[in-house]
């Protein structure tokens, strides 16, 4: 069983930055594709970014050039650096573990990101 614990959310002004962290338990973290999803009320959860065990990255078009996903296998942690934040980035952000196509095996509890002046 893997547990994912997010941190780093909060309130930020447009144009600002935040870094989300997701700490994982479990011994085979390095083998998993990890990622971040986000959800706003009334909408489906959407993929923001993912990173494979080999370090390949994919991003949603809406965040390309602004967000960066990274991982530290020694610390069993995945990060999402979010720059030039926009009000439309406001959402609950979820850490996702062991992503296989459209399937996600493990979810974190979510952390709120609010972009507002």
PDB file of N, CA and C in Angstrom:
ATOM      1  N   UNK A   1       0.844  -1.186   0.000  1.00  0.00           N
ATOM      2  CA  UNK A   1       0.000   0.000   0.000  1.00  0.00           C
ATOM      3  C   UNK A   1       0.884   1.243   0.000  1.00  0.00           C
ATOM      4  N   UNK A   2       0.502   2.216  -0.794  1.00  0.00           N
ATOM      5  CA  UNK A   2       1.246   3.461  -0.922  1.00  0.00           C
ATOM      6  C   UNK A   2       0.371   4.606  -0.435  1.00  0.00           C
ATOM      7  N   UNK A   3       0.939   5.466   0.364  1.00  0.00           N
ATOM      8  CA  UNK A   3       0.251   6.680   0.793  1.00  0.00           C
ATOM      9  C   UNK A   3       0.964   7.892   0.213  1.00  0.00           C
ATOM     10  N   UNK A   4       0.168   8.852  -0.232  1.00  0.00           N
ATOM     11  CA  UNK A   4       0.700  10.072  -0.833  1.00  0.00           C
ATOM     12  C   UNK A   4       0.206  11.259  -0.010  1.00  0.00           C
ATOM     13  N   UNK A   5       1.128  12.126   0.376  1.00  0.00           N
ATOM     14  CA  UNK A   5       0.781  13.282   1.201  1.00  0.00           C
ATOM     15  C   UNK A   5       1.293  14.541   0.512  1.00  0.00           C
ATOM     16  N   UNK A   6       0.343  15.401   0.112  1.00  0.00           N
ATOM     17  CA  UNK A   6       0.708  16.638  -0.578  1.00  0.00           C
ATOM     18  C   UNK A   6       0.926  17.776   0.425  1.00  0.00           C
ATOM     19  N   UNK A   7       1.701  18.744  -0.005  1.00  0.00           N
ATOM     20  CA  UNK A   7       1.873  19.976   0.749  1.00  0.00           C
ATOM     21  C   UNK A   7       2.253  21.089  -0.222  1.00  0.00           C
ATOM     22  N   UNK A   8       2.118  22.328   0.247  1.00  0.00           N
ATOM     23  CA  UNK A   8       2.581  23.460  -0.551  1.00  0.00           C
ATOM     24  C   UNK A   8       1.507  24.301  -1.194  1.00  0.00           C
ATOM     25  N   UNK A   9       0.247  23.915  -1.055  1.00  0.00           N
ATOM     26  CA  UNK A   9      -0.815  24.727  -1.632  1.00  0.00           C
ATOM     27  C   UNK A   9      -1.011  26.012  -0.850  1.00  0.00           C
ATOM     28  N   UNK A  10      -1.881  26.873  -1.377  1.00  0.00           N
ATOM     29  CA  UNK A  10      -2.169  28.119  -0.682  1.00  0.00           C
ATOM     30  C   UNK A  10      -2.727  29.166  -1.606  1.00  0.00           C
ATOM     31  N   UNK A  11      -2.718  30.397  -1.117  1.00  0.00           N
ATOM     32  CA  UNK A  11      -3.222  31.540  -1.863  1.00  0.00           C
ATOM     33  C   UNK A  11      -2.044  32.324  -2.440  1.00  0.00           C
ATOM     34  N   UNK A  12      -2.130  32.651  -3.717  1.00  0.00           N
ATOM     35  CA  UNK A  12      -1.059  33.396  -4.375  1.00  0.00           C
ATOM     36  C   UNK A  12      -1.680  34.372  -5.367  1.00  0.00           C
ATOM     37  N   UNK A  13      -1.012  35.489  -5.582  1.00  0.00           N
ATOM     38  CA  UNK A  13      -1.500  36.471  -6.547  1.00  0.00           C
ATOM     39  C   UNK A  13      -1.185  36.037  -7.967  1.00  0.00           C
ATOM     40  N   UNK A  14      -1.967  36.495  -8.926  1.00  0.00           N
ATOM     41  CA  UNK A  14      -1.643  36.204 -10.326  1.00  0.00           C
ATOM     42  C   UNK A  14      -0.206  36.603 -10.661  1.00  0.00           C
ATOM     43  N   UNK A  15       0.472  35.719 -11.395  1.00  0.00           N
ATOM     44  CA  UNK A  15       1.873  35.939 -11.715  1.00  0.00           C
ATOM     45  C   UNK A  15       2.835  35.362 -10.703  1.00  0.00           C
ATOM     46  N   UNK A  16       2.316  34.917  -9.585  1.00  0.00           N
ATOM     47  CA  UNK A  16       3.150  34.356  -8.537  1.00  0.00           C
ATOM     48  C   UNK A  16       3.510  32.898  -8.768  1.00  0.00           C
ATOM     49  N   UNK A  17       4.209  32.334  -7.789  1.00  0.00           N
ATOM     50  CA  UNK A  17       4.690  30.954  -7.887  1.00  0.00           C
ATOM     51  C   UNK A  17       4.367  30.175  -6.622  1.00  0.00           C
ATOM     52  N   UNK A  18       4.213  28.889  -6.805  1.00  0.00           N
ATOM     53  CA  UNK A  18       4.069  27.942  -5.703  1.00  0.00           C
ATOM     54  C   UNK A  18       4.786  26.658  -6.094  1.00  0.00           C
ATOM     55  N   UNK A  19       5.226  25.927  -5.089  1.00  0.00           N
ATOM     56  CA  UNK A  19       5.776  24.597  -5.335  1.00  0.00           C
ATOM     57  C   UNK A  19       5.012  23.597  -4.483  1.00  0.00           C
ATOM     58  N   UNK A  20       4.418  22.634  -5.155  1.00  0.00           N
ATOM     59  CA  UNK A  20       3.736  21.545  -4.479  1.00  0.00           C
ATOM     60  C   UNK A  20       4.700  20.372  -4.304  1.00  0.00           C
ATOM     61  N   UNK A  21       4.547  19.687  -3.172  1.00  0.00           N
ATOM     62  CA  UNK A  21       5.334  18.491  -2.905  1.00  0.00           C
ATOM     63  C   UNK A  21       4.401  17.334  -2.592  1.00  0.00           C
ATOM     64  N   UNK A  22       4.844  16.148  -2.936  1.00  0.00           N
ATOM     65  CA  UNK A  22       4.071  14.937  -2.660  1.00  0.00           C
ATOM     66  C   UNK A  22       5.040  13.885  -2.144  1.00  0.00           C
ATOM     67  N   UNK A  23       4.908  13.562  -0.881  1.00  0.00           N
ATOM     68  CA  UNK A  23       5.763  12.551  -0.263  1.00  0.00           C
ATOM     69  C   UNK A  23       5.048  11.213  -0.273  1.00  0.00           C
ATOM     70  N   UNK A  24       5.764  10.183  -0.709  1.00  0.00           N
ATOM     71  CA  UNK A  24       5.172   8.858  -0.852  1.00  0.00           C
ATOM     72  C   UNK A  24       5.807   7.869   0.103  1.00  0.00           C
ATOM     73  N   UNK A  25       4.995   6.933   0.563  1.00  0.00           N
ATOM     74  CA  UNK A  25       5.509   5.787   1.296  1.00  0.00           C
ATOM     75  C   UNK A  25       5.659   4.642   0.320  1.00  0.00           C
ATOM     76  N   UNK A  26       6.244   3.555   0.749  1.00  0.00           N
ATOM     77  CA  UNK A  26       6.375   2.406  -0.135  1.00  0.00           C
ATOM     78  C   UNK A  26       7.756   2.286  -0.715  1.00  0.00           C
ATOM     79  N   UNK A  27       8.161   1.071  -1.013  1.00  0.00           N
ATOM     80  CA  UNK A  27       9.549   0.814  -1.374  1.00  0.00           C
ATOM     81  C   UNK A  27       9.833   0.879  -2.865  1.00  0.00           C
ATOM     82  N   UNK A  28       8.804   0.942  -3.707  1.00  0.00           N
ATOM     83  CA  UNK A  28       9.064   0.902  -5.140  1.00  0.00           C
ATOM     84  C   UNK A  28       8.633   2.191  -5.824  1.00  0.00           C
ATOM     85  N   UNK A  29       8.722   3.291  -5.105  1.00  0.00           N
ATOM     86  CA  UNK A  29       8.344   4.604  -5.649  1.00  0.00           C
ATOM     87  C   UNK A  29       9.029   4.859  -6.973  1.00  0.00           C
ATOM     88  N   UNK A  30      10.314   4.510  -7.069  1.00  0.00           N
ATOM     89  CA  UNK A  30      11.091   4.855  -8.252  1.00  0.00           C
ATOM     90  C   UNK A  30      10.557   4.189  -9.516  1.00  0.00           C
ATOM     91  N   UNK A  31       9.773   3.145  -9.364  1.00  0.00           N
ATOM     92  CA  UNK A  31       9.263   2.424 -10.529  1.00  0.00           C
ATOM     93  C   UNK A  31       7.968   3.025 -11.076  1.00  0.00           C
ATOM     94  N   UNK A  32       7.339   3.901 -10.298  1.00  0.00           N
ATOM     95  CA  UNK A  32       6.029   4.402 -10.668  1.00  0.00           C
ATOM     96  C   UNK A  32       6.112   5.636 -11.558  1.00  0.00           C
ATOM     97  N   UNK A  33       5.155   5.729 -12.481  1.00  0.00           N
ATOM     98  CA  UNK A  33       4.883   7.009 -13.112  1.00  0.00           C
ATOM     99  C   UNK A  33       4.056   7.827 -12.124  1.00  0.00           C
ATOM    100  N   UNK A  34       4.506   9.018 -11.828  1.00  0.00           N
ATOM    101  CA  UNK A  34       3.854   9.900 -10.854  1.00  0.00           C
ATOM    102  C   UNK A  34       3.318  11.141 -11.576  1.00  0.00           C
ATOM    103  N   UNK A  35       2.348  11.781 -10.967  1.00  0.00           N
ATOM    104  CA  UNK A  35       1.808  12.958 -11.619  1.00  0.00           C
ATOM    105  C   UNK A  35       0.977  13.829 -10.712  1.00  0.00           C
ATOM    106  N   UNK A  36       0.483  14.892 -11.302  1.00  0.00           N
ATOM    107  CA  UNK A  36      -0.408  15.827 -10.626  1.00  0.00           C
ATOM    108  C   UNK A  36      -1.651  16.028 -11.485  1.00  0.00           C
ATOM    109  N   UNK A  37      -2.789  15.974 -10.827  1.00  0.00           N
ATOM    110  CA  UNK A  37      -4.070  16.287 -11.436  1.00  0.00           C
ATOM    111  C   UNK A  37      -4.671  17.472 -10.691  1.00  0.00           C
ATOM    112  N   UNK A  38      -5.663  18.089 -11.292  1.00  0.00           N
ATOM    113  CA  UNK A  38      -6.385  19.143 -10.588  1.00  0.00           C
ATOM    114  C   UNK A  38      -7.871  19.064 -10.913  1.00  0.00           C
ATOM    115  N   UNK A  39      -8.655  19.616 -10.003  1.00  0.00           N
ATOM    116  CA  UNK A  39     -10.111  19.550 -10.157  1.00  0.00           C
ATOM    117  C   UNK A  39     -10.752  20.797  -9.583  1.00  0.00           C
ATOM    118  N   UNK A  40     -11.707  21.315 -10.319  1.00  0.00           N
ATOM    119  CA  UNK A  40     -12.540  22.418  -9.821  1.00  0.00           C
ATOM    120  C   UNK A  40     -13.961  21.891  -9.677  1.00  0.00           C
ATOM    121  N   UNK A  41     -14.743  22.493  -8.814  1.00  0.00           N
ATOM    122  CA  UNK A  41     -16.104  21.989  -8.594  1.00  0.00           C
ATOM    123  C   UNK A  41     -16.908  21.931  -9.891  1.00  0.00           C
ATOM    124  N   UNK A  42     -17.578  20.801 -10.089  1.00  0.00           N
ATOM    125  CA  UNK A  42     -18.433  20.631 -11.249  1.00  0.00           C
ATOM    126  C   UNK A  42     -17.722  20.178 -12.505  1.00  0.00           C
ATOM    127  N   UNK A  43     -16.401  19.996 -12.404  1.00  0.00           N
ATOM    128  CA  UNK A  43     -15.649  19.547 -13.574  1.00  0.00           C
ATOM    129  C   UNK A  43     -14.889  18.273 -13.261  1.00  0.00           C
ATOM    130  N   UNK A  44     -14.506  17.580 -14.331  1.00  0.00           N
ATOM    131  CA  UNK A  44     -13.727  16.360 -14.158  1.00  0.00           C
ATOM    132  C   UNK A  44     -12.302  16.682 -13.730  1.00  0.00           C
ATOM    133  N   UNK A  45     -11.723  15.749 -13.016  1.00  0.00           N
ATOM    134  CA  UNK A  45     -10.324  15.867 -12.660  1.00  0.00           C
ATOM    135  C   UNK A  45      -9.491  15.775 -13.940  1.00  0.00           C
ATOM    136  N   UNK A  46      -8.512  16.671 -14.079  1.00  0.00           N
ATOM    137  CA  UNK A  46      -7.710  16.681 -15.293  1.00  0.00           C
ATOM    138  C   UNK A  46      -6.229  16.528 -14.974  1.00  0.00           C
ATOM    139  N   UNK A  47      -5.529  15.877 -15.894  1.00  0.00           N
ATOM    140  CA  UNK A  47      -4.093  15.695 -15.739  1.00  0.00           C
ATOM    141  C   UNK A  47      -3.376  17.013 -15.985  1.00  0.00           C
ATOM    142  N   UNK A  48      -2.484  17.368 -15.077  1.00  0.00           N
ATOM    143  CA  UNK A  48      -1.667  18.566 -15.226  1.00  0.00           C
ATOM    144  C   UNK A  48      -0.292  18.210 -15.762  1.00  0.00           C
ATOM    145  N   UNK A  49       0.333  17.213 -15.130  1.00  0.00           N
ATOM    146  CA  UNK A  49       1.681  16.818 -15.535  1.00  0.00           C
ATOM    147  C   UNK A  49       1.966  15.434 -14.991  1.00  0.00           C
ATOM    148  N   UNK A  50       2.832  14.700 -15.705  1.00  0.00           N
ATOM    149  CA  UNK A  50       3.285  13.421 -15.198  1.00  0.00           C
ATOM    150  C   UNK A  50       4.757  13.231 -15.518  1.00  0.00           C
ATOM    151  N   UNK A  51       5.381  12.353 -14.741  1.00  0.00           N
ATOM    152  CA  UNK A  51       6.791  12.040 -14.943  1.00  0.00           C
ATOM    153  C   UNK A  51       6.965  10.540 -14.774  1.00  0.00           C
ATOM    154  N   UNK A  52       7.612   9.924 -15.746  1.00  0.00           N
ATOM    155  CA  UNK A  52       7.795   8.489 -15.707  1.00  0.00           C
ATOM    156  C   UNK A  52       8.984   8.110 -14.822  1.00  0.00           C
ATOM    157  N   UNK A  53       9.150   6.812 -14.634  1.00  0.00           N
ATOM    158  CA  UNK A  53      10.289   6.343 -13.843  1.00  0.00           C
ATOM    159  C   UNK A  53      11.605   6.718 -14.508  1.00  0.00           C
ATOM    160  N   UNK A  54      11.599   6.865 -15.812  1.00  0.00           N
ATOM    161  CA  UNK A  54      12.806   7.234 -16.539  1.00  0.00           C
ATOM    162  C   UNK A  54      13.022   8.730 -16.658  1.00  0.00           C
ATOM    163  N   UNK A  55      12.072   9.507 -16.143  1.00  0.00           N
ATOM    164  CA  UNK A  55      12.222  10.957 -16.153  1.00  0.00           C
ATOM    165  C   UNK A  55      11.554  11.676 -17.303  1.00  0.00           C
ATOM    166  N   UNK A  56      10.853  10.961 -18.166  1.00  0.00           N
ATOM    167  CA  UNK A  56      10.115  11.629 -19.240  1.00  0.00           C
ATOM    168  C   UNK A  56       8.922  12.371 -18.654  1.00  0.00           C
ATOM    169  N   UNK A  57       8.643  13.538 -19.232  1.00  0.00           N
ATOM    170  CA  UNK A  57       7.587  14.404 -18.701  1.00  0.00           C
ATOM    171  C   UNK A  57       6.539  14.717 -19.760  1.00  0.00           C
ATOM    172  N   UNK A  58       5.298  14.802 -19.329  1.00  0.00           N
ATOM    173  CA  UNK A  58       4.206  15.281 -20.177  1.00  0.00           C
ATOM    174  C   UNK A  58       3.430  16.337 -19.411  1.00  0.00           C
ATOM    175  N   UNK A  59       2.955  17.338 -20.155  1.00  0.00           N
ATOM    176  CA  UNK A  59       2.213  18.433 -19.540  1.00  0.00           C
ATOM    177  C   UNK A  59       0.924  18.709 -20.298  1.00  0.00           C
ATOM    178  N   UNK A  60      -0.069  19.166 -19.565  1.00  0.00           N
ATOM    179  CA  UNK A  60      -1.257  19.697 -20.218  1.00  0.00           C
ATOM    180  C   UNK A  60      -0.871  20.958 -20.986  1.00  0.00           C
ATOM    181  N   UNK A  61      -1.517  21.182 -22.111  1.00  0.00           N
ATOM    182  CA  UNK A  61      -1.191  22.361 -22.927  1.00  0.00           C
ATOM    183  C   UNK A  61      -1.334  23.661 -22.132  1.00  0.00           C
ATOM    184  N   UNK A  62      -2.279  23.685 -21.223  1.00  0.00           N
ATOM    185  CA  UNK A  62      -2.570  24.914 -20.485  1.00  0.00           C
ATOM    186  C   UNK A  62      -1.467  25.317 -19.510  1.00  0.00           C
ATOM    187  N   UNK A  63      -0.559  24.386 -19.196  1.00  0.00           N
ATOM    188  CA  UNK A  63       0.495  24.703 -18.218  1.00  0.00           C
ATOM    189  C   UNK A  63       1.894  24.637 -18.812  1.00  0.00           C
ATOM    190  N   UNK A  64       2.012  24.240 -20.064  1.00  0.00           N
ATOM    191  CA  UNK A  64       3.335  24.133 -20.686  1.00  0.00           C
ATOM    192  C   UNK A  64       4.062  25.468 -20.637  1.00  0.00           C
ATOM    193  N   UNK A  65       5.320  25.405 -20.253  1.00  0.00           N
ATOM    194  CA  UNK A  65       6.122  26.619 -20.159  1.00  0.00           C
ATOM    195  C   UNK A  65       5.992  27.342 -18.829  1.00  0.00           C
ATOM    196  N   UNK A  66       5.029  26.941 -18.013  1.00  0.00           N
ATOM    197  CA  UNK A  66       4.831  27.582 -16.708  1.00  0.00           C
ATOM    198  C   UNK A  66       5.051  26.624 -15.538  1.00  0.00           C
ATOM    199  N   UNK A  67       4.690  25.356 -15.722  1.00  0.00           N
ATOM    200  CA  UNK A  67       4.809  24.365 -14.655  1.00  0.00           C
ATOM    201  C   UNK A  67       5.939  23.392 -14.986  1.00  0.00           C
ATOM    202  N   UNK A  68       6.595  22.898 -13.941  1.00  0.00           N
ATOM    203  CA  UNK A  68       7.642  21.889 -14.103  1.00  0.00           C
ATOM    204  C   UNK A  68       7.454  20.791 -13.072  1.00  0.00           C
ATOM    205  N   UNK A  69       7.388  19.566 -13.549  1.00  0.00           N
ATOM    206  CA  UNK A  69       7.300  18.428 -12.639  1.00  0.00           C
ATOM    207  C   UNK A  69       8.687  17.802 -12.503  1.00  0.00           C
ATOM    208  N   UNK A  70       8.990  17.353 -11.283  1.00  0.00           N
ATOM    209  CA  UNK A  70      10.272  16.690 -11.049  1.00  0.00           C
ATOM    210  C   UNK A  70      10.079  15.665  -9.940  1.00  0.00           C
ATOM    211  N   UNK A  71      11.080  14.831  -9.783  1.00  0.00           N
ATOM    212  CA  UNK A  71      10.997  13.799  -8.757  1.00  0.00           C
ATOM    213  C   UNK A  71      12.367  13.580  -8.140  1.00  0.00           C
ATOM    214  N   UNK A  72      12.357  13.195  -6.874  1.00  0.00           N
ATOM    215  CA  UNK A  72      13.567  12.817  -6.153  1.00  0.00           C
ATOM    216  C   UNK A  72      13.305  11.427  -5.592  1.00  0.00           C
ATOM    217  N   UNK A  73      13.842  10.418  -6.258  1.00  0.00           N
ATOM    218  CA  UNK A  73      13.549   9.039  -5.855  1.00  0.00           C
ATOM    219  C   UNK A  73      14.133   8.714  -4.489  1.00  0.00           C
ATOM    220  N   UNK A  74      15.250   9.299  -4.142  1.00  0.00           N
ATOM    221  CA  UNK A  74      15.851   9.044  -2.824  1.00  0.00           C
ATOM    222  C   UNK A  74      14.936   9.541  -1.708  1.00  0.00           C
ATOM    223  N   UNK A  75      14.235  10.627  -1.955  1.00  0.00           N
ATOM    224  CA  UNK A  75      13.314  11.179  -0.967  1.00  0.00           C
ATOM    225  C   UNK A  75      11.882  10.701  -1.175  1.00  0.00           C
ATOM    226  N   UNK A  76      11.662   9.931  -2.235  1.00  0.00           N
ATOM    227  CA  UNK A  76      10.314   9.438  -2.561  1.00  0.00           C
ATOM    228  C   UNK A  76       9.331  10.609  -2.637  1.00  0.00           C
ATOM    229  N   UNK A  77       9.729  11.615  -3.351  1.00  0.00           N
ATOM    230  CA  UNK A  77       8.936  12.838  -3.428  1.00  0.00           C
ATOM    231  C   UNK A  77       8.854  13.307  -4.876  1.00  0.00           C
ATOM    232  N   UNK A  78       7.676  13.789  -5.234  1.00  0.00           N
ATOM    233  CA  UNK A  78       7.476  14.401  -6.544  1.00  0.00           C
ATOM    234  C   UNK A  78       7.043  15.846  -6.314  1.00  0.00           C
ATOM    235  N   UNK A  79       7.500  16.714  -7.179  1.00  0.00           N
ATOM    236  CA  UNK A  79       7.263  18.149  -7.033  1.00  0.00           C
ATOM    237  C   UNK A  79       6.535  18.710  -8.255  1.00  0.00           C
ATOM    238  N   UNK A  80       5.831  19.798  -8.019  1.00  0.00           N
ATOM    239  CA  UNK A  80       5.261  20.566  -9.124  1.00  0.00           C
ATOM    240  C   UNK A  80       5.578  22.030  -8.868  1.00  0.00           C
ATOM    241  N   UNK A  81       6.504  22.560  -9.652  1.00  0.00           N
ATOM    242  CA  UNK A  81       6.836  23.976  -9.576  1.00  0.00           C
ATOM    243  C   UNK A  81       5.906  24.732 -10.507  1.00  0.00           C
ATOM    244  N   UNK A  82       5.160  25.657  -9.954  1.00  0.00           N
ATOM    245  CA  UNK A  82       4.156  26.401 -10.724  1.00  0.00           C
ATOM    246  C   UNK A  82       4.541  27.876 -10.745  1.00  0.00           C
ATOM    247  N   UNK A  83       4.836  28.381 -11.924  1.00  0.00           N
ATOM    248  CA  UNK A  83       5.217  29.773 -12.104  1.00  0.00           C
ATOM    249  C   UNK A  83       4.177  30.512 -12.936  1.00  0.00           C
ATOM    250  N   UNK A  84       4.207  31.822 -12.857  1.00  0.00           N
ATOM    251  CA  UNK A  84       3.280  32.658 -13.625  1.00  0.00           C
ATOM    252  C   UNK A  84       1.843  32.153 -13.487  1.00  0.00           C
ATOM    253  N   UNK A  85       1.432  31.959 -12.269  1.00  0.00           N
ATOM    254  CA  UNK A  85       0.107  31.400 -12.008  1.00  0.00           C
ATOM    255  C   UNK A  85      -0.994  32.341 -12.457  1.00  0.00           C
ATOM    256  N   UNK A  86      -2.077  31.751 -12.919  1.00  0.00           N
ATOM    257  CA  UNK A  86      -3.239  32.477 -13.423  1.00  0.00           C
ATOM    258  C   UNK A  86      -4.464  32.107 -12.603  1.00  0.00           C
ATOM    259  N   UNK A  87      -5.463  32.969 -12.578  1.00  0.00           N
ATOM    260  CA  UNK A  87      -6.682  32.625 -11.827  1.00  0.00           C
ATOM    261  C   UNK A  87      -7.297  31.293 -12.267  1.00  0.00           C
ATOM    262  N   UNK A  88      -7.163  30.958 -13.546  1.00  0.00           N
ATOM    263  CA  UNK A  88      -7.734  29.693 -14.020  1.00  0.00           C
ATOM    264  C   UNK A  88      -6.961  28.468 -13.539  1.00  0.00           C
ATOM    265  N   UNK A  89      -5.836  28.665 -12.873  1.00  0.00           N
ATOM    266  CA  UNK A  89      -5.120  27.558 -12.247  1.00  0.00           C
ATOM    267  C   UNK A  89      -5.698  27.208 -10.885  1.00  0.00           C
ATOM    268  N   UNK A  90      -6.626  27.996 -10.397  1.00  0.00           N
ATOM    269  CA  UNK A  90      -7.258  27.720  -9.112  1.00  0.00           C
ATOM    270  C   UNK A  90      -7.980  26.379  -9.152  1.00  0.00           C
ATOM    271  N   UNK A  91      -7.639  25.506  -8.212  1.00  0.00           N
ATOM    272  CA  UNK A  91      -8.200  24.152  -8.188  1.00  0.00           C
ATOM    273  C   UNK A  91      -7.649  23.427  -6.967  1.00  0.00           C
ATOM    274  N   UNK A  92      -8.210  22.266  -6.718  1.00  0.00           N
ATOM    275  CA  UNK A  92      -7.590  21.328  -5.784  1.00  0.00           C
ATOM    276  C   UNK A  92      -6.637  20.461  -6.600  1.00  0.00           C
ATOM    277  N   UNK A  93      -5.411  20.402  -6.163  1.00  0.00           N
ATOM    278  CA  UNK A  93      -4.381  19.632  -6.864  1.00  0.00           C
ATOM    279  C   UNK A  93      -4.147  18.321  -6.123  1.00  0.00           C
ATOM    280  N   UNK A  94      -4.167  17.237  -6.892  1.00  0.00           N
ATOM    281  CA  UNK A  94      -4.012  15.893  -6.345  1.00  0.00           C
ATOM    282  C   UNK A  94      -2.732  15.257  -6.872  1.00  0.00           C
ATOM    283  N   UNK A  95      -1.992  14.666  -5.968  1.00  0.00           N
ATOM    284  CA  UNK A  95      -0.858  13.840  -6.368  1.00  0.00           C
ATOM    285  C   UNK A  95      -1.376  12.470  -6.785  1.00  0.00           C
ATOM    286  N   UNK A  96      -0.795  11.934  -7.841  1.00  0.00           N
ATOM    287  CA  UNK A  96      -1.215  10.647  -8.378  1.00  0.00           C
ATOM    288  C   UNK A  96      -0.012   9.722  -8.479  1.00  0.00           C
ATOM    289  N   UNK A  97      -0.205   8.478  -8.055  1.00  0.00           N
ATOM    290  CA  UNK A  97       0.879   7.517  -8.091  1.00  0.00           C
ATOM    291  C   UNK A  97       0.531   6.277  -8.877  1.00  0.00           C
ATOM    292  N   UNK A  98       1.505   5.763  -9.610  1.00  0.00           N
ATOM    293  CA  UNK A  98       1.337   4.568 -10.437  1.00  0.00           C
ATOM    294  C   UNK A  98       0.263   4.813 -11.488  1.00  0.00           C
ATOM    295  N   UNK A  99       0.553   5.762 -12.349  1.00  0.00           N
ATOM    296  CA  UNK A  99      -0.350   6.119 -13.438  1.00  0.00           C
ATOM    297  C   UNK A  99      -0.110   5.170 -14.605  1.00  0.00           C
ATOM    298  N   UNK A 100      -1.182   4.576 -15.088  1.00  0.00           N
ATOM    299  CA  UNK A 100      -1.092   3.656 -16.235  1.00  0.00           C
ATOM    300  C   UNK A 100      -2.170   4.060 -17.221  1.00  0.00           C
ATOM    301  N   UNK A 101      -1.811   4.853 -18.182  1.00  0.00           N
ATOM    302  CA  UNK A 101      -2.801   5.371 -19.114  1.00  0.00           C
ATOM    303  C   UNK A 101      -3.781   6.257 -18.384  1.00  0.00           C
ATOM    304  N   UNK A 102      -5.051   5.906 -18.437  1.00  0.00           N
ATOM    305  CA  UNK A 102      -6.075   6.692 -17.761  1.00  0.00           C
ATOM    306  C   UNK A 102      -6.325   6.204 -16.336  1.00  0.00           C
ATOM    307  N   UNK A 103      -5.606   5.172 -15.911  1.00  0.00           N
ATOM    308  CA  UNK A 103      -5.818   4.601 -14.581  1.00  0.00           C
ATOM    309  C   UNK A 103      -4.790   5.163 -13.605  1.00  0.00           C
ATOM    310  N   UNK A 104      -5.254   5.511 -12.413  1.00  0.00           N
ATOM    311  CA  UNK A 104      -4.377   5.944 -11.335  1.00  0.00           C
ATOM    312  C   UNK A 104      -4.603   5.021 -10.144  1.00  0.00           C
ATOM    313  N   UNK A 105      -3.516   4.401  -9.688  1.00  0.00           N
ATOM    314  CA  UNK A 105      -3.645   3.445  -8.597  1.00  0.00           C
ATOM    315  C   UNK A 105      -3.754   4.121  -7.232  1.00  0.00           C
ATOM    316  N   UNK A 106      -3.008   5.204  -7.041  1.00  0.00           N
ATOM    317  CA  UNK A 106      -2.960   5.856  -5.735  1.00  0.00           C
ATOM    318  C   UNK A 106      -3.203   7.360  -5.873  1.00  0.00           C
ATOM    319  N   UNK A 107      -3.980   7.887  -4.918  1.00  0.00           N
ATOM    320  CA  UNK A 107      -4.275   9.323  -4.886  1.00  0.00           C
ATOM    321  C   UNK A 107      -3.892   9.919  -3.541  1.00  0.00           C
ATOM    322  N   UNK A 108      -3.430  11.151  -3.579  1.00  0.00           N
ATOM    323  CA  UNK A 108      -3.288  11.908  -2.363  1.00  0.00           C
ATOM    324  C   UNK A 108      -4.618  12.536  -1.974  1.00  0.00           C
ATOM    325  N   UNK A 109      -4.613  13.256  -0.862  1.00  0.00           N
ATOM    326  CA  UNK A 109      -5.853  13.831  -0.345  1.00  0.00           C
ATOM    327  C   UNK A 109      -6.201  15.161  -0.998  1.00  0.00           C
ATOM    328  N   UNK A 110      -5.260  15.757  -1.694  1.00  0.00           N
ATOM    329  CA  UNK A 110      -5.502  17.014  -2.392  1.00  0.00           C
ATOM    330  C   UNK A 110      -5.050  18.214  -1.590  1.00  0.00           C
ATOM    331  N   UNK A 111      -4.624  19.255  -2.309  1.00  0.00           N
ATOM    332  CA  UNK A 111      -4.245  20.511  -1.679  1.00  0.00           C
ATOM    333  C   UNK A 111      -4.798  21.661  -2.514  1.00  0.00           C
ATOM    334  N   UNK A 112      -5.361  22.654  -1.845  1.00  0.00           N
ATOM    335  CA  UNK A 112      -6.013  23.754  -2.533  1.00  0.00           C
ATOM    336  C   UNK A 112      -4.988  24.779  -2.998  1.00  0.00           C
ATOM    337  N   UNK A 113      -5.114  25.167  -4.257  1.00  0.00           N
ATOM    338  CA  UNK A 113      -4.339  26.270  -4.821  1.00  0.00           C
ATOM    339  C   UNK A 113      -5.331  27.332  -5.289  1.00  0.00           C
ATOM    340  N   UNK A 114      -5.185  28.524  -4.767  1.00  0.00           N
ATOM    341  CA  UNK A 114      -6.062  29.630  -5.141  1.00  0.00           C
ATOM    342  C   UNK A 114      -5.217  30.779  -5.675  1.00  0.00           C
ATOM    343  N   UNK A 115      -5.531  31.204  -6.889  1.00  0.00           N
ATOM    344  CA  UNK A 115      -4.812  32.306  -7.524  1.00  0.00           C
ATOM    345  C   UNK A 115      -5.777  33.476  -7.630  1.00  0.00           C
ATOM    346  N   UNK A 116      -5.532  34.491  -6.835  1.00  0.00           N
ATOM    347  CA  UNK A 116      -6.460  35.619  -6.774  1.00  0.00           C
ATOM    348  C   UNK A 116      -5.740  36.848  -6.240  1.00  0.00           C
ATOM    349  N   UNK A 117      -6.178  38.000  -6.728  1.00  0.00           N
ATOM    350  CA  UNK A 117      -5.631  39.262  -6.224  1.00  0.00           C
ATOM    351  C   UNK A 117      -6.513  39.797  -5.100  1.00  0.00           C
TER     352      UNK A 117
END
